[in-house]
Amino acid sequence: MGWTRDLEAARTGTIRYHNGATWHFIAEKLPRGEEREGAIRSTGQHPFPGNLVYRLGRRQVRVLGVYFRLTDADAAES
């Protein structure tokens, strides 16, 4: 997906919540390994039908999926 390439290139982002609050974060792409596998396993927590979609596509997600560790940018500057 295009947004994952953009996030990987920018390495930072901002989430704007419905209530107007914002969260500035640093994004690090997860390499293959245990942390990435844990992120893939957590996709089973999605509500139906997302959990089913991820379960059925898990093999493809492992090969092509892009996952990031997000950390608080403001805390990193302190």
Protein backbone atom coordinates (compact mmCIF):
# COMPACT_ATOMS: atom_id res chain seq x y z
CA MET A 1 0.00 0.00 0.00
CA GLY A 2 1.16 3.49 -0.78
CA TRP A 3 0.73 4.84 2.74
CA THR A 4 3.18 2.29 4.14
CA ARG A 5 5.85 3.41 1.66
CA ASP A 6 5.14 7.03 2.59
CA LEU A 7 5.38 6.27 6.31
CA GLU A 8 8.61 4.31 5.84
CA ALA A 9 10.13 7.25 3.94
CA ALA A 10 8.88 9.96 6.33
CA ARG A 11 9.60 7.94 9.50
CA THR A 12 7.18 10.19 11.43
CA GLY A 13 3.47 10.87 11.40
CA THR A 14 0.52 12.38 13.21
CA ILE A 15 -2.77 10.75 14.16
CA ARG A 16 -5.71 13.11 14.54
CA TYR A 17 -8.52 11.72 16.69
CA HIS A 18 -12.21 12.57 16.39
CA ASN A 19 -12.05 14.66 19.55
CA GLY A 20 -9.36 16.89 18.03
CA ALA A 21 -6.45 15.41 19.99
CA THR A 22 -3.30 14.60 18.05
CA TRP A 23 -0.47 12.14 18.57
CA HIS A 24 2.91 12.68 16.92
CA PHE A 25 4.87 9.47 16.49
CA ILE A 26 8.06 8.01 15.13
CA ALA A 27 7.63 4.93 12.93
CA GLU A 28 10.18 2.16 12.58
CA LYS A 29 9.50 -0.62 10.08
CA LEU A 30 9.67 -3.99 11.79
CA PRO A 31 12.17 -6.41 10.28
CA ARG A 32 11.39 -10.11 10.04
CA GLY A 33 11.61 -11.62 13.48
CA GLU A 34 9.70 -12.18 16.70
CA GLU A 35 8.37 -8.63 17.15
CA ARG A 36 6.95 -8.62 13.59
CA GLU A 37 5.46 -12.10 14.11
CA GLY A 38 3.81 -10.84 17.30
CA ALA A 39 2.27 -7.96 15.36
CA ILE A 40 0.95 -10.38 12.74
CA ARG A 41 -0.51 -12.67 15.42
CA SER A 42 -2.27 -9.69 17.01
CA THR A 43 -4.30 -9.13 13.83
CA GLY A 44 -6.60 -11.88 15.17
CA GLN A 45 -7.88 -9.27 17.65
CA HIS A 46 -9.72 -7.37 14.90
CA PRO A 47 -13.51 -7.52 15.13
CA PHE A 48 -15.37 -9.67 12.60
CA PRO A 49 -14.93 -9.76 9.63
CA GLY A 50 -11.42 -8.26 9.83
CA ASN A 51 -10.15 -11.13 11.97
CA LEU A 52 -11.39 -13.65 9.40
CA VAL A 53 -9.84 -11.74 6.50
CA TYR A 54 -6.45 -11.60 8.24
CA ARG A 55 -6.64 -15.28 9.22
CA LEU A 56 -7.41 -16.36 5.67
CA GLY A 57 -4.64 -14.17 4.26
CA ARG A 58 -2.05 -14.82 6.96
CA ARG A 59 0.45 -16.49 4.58
CA GLN A 60 0.34 -13.48 2.25
CA VAL A 61 0.48 -11.08 5.20
CA ARG A 62 3.68 -12.78 6.41
CA VAL A 63 5.29 -12.35 3.00
CA LEU A 64 4.01 -8.90 1.99
CA GLY A 65 2.68 -7.24 5.15
CA VAL A 66 4.39 -4.12 6.45
CA TYR A 67 4.32 -3.41 10.17
CA PHE A 68 5.71 -0.52 12.19
CA ARG A 69 6.67 0.15 15.79
CA LEU A 70 5.20 3.53 16.73
CA THR A 71 6.76 5.52 19.55
CA ASP A 72 5.80 8.88 20.96
CA ALA A 73 7.79 11.58 19.13
CA ASP A 74 7.30 14.11 21.93
CA ALA A 75 8.69 11.71 24.54
CA ALA A 76 11.68 10.94 22.30
CA GLU A 77 12.57 14.65 22.18
CA SER A 78 12.58 14.97 26.00
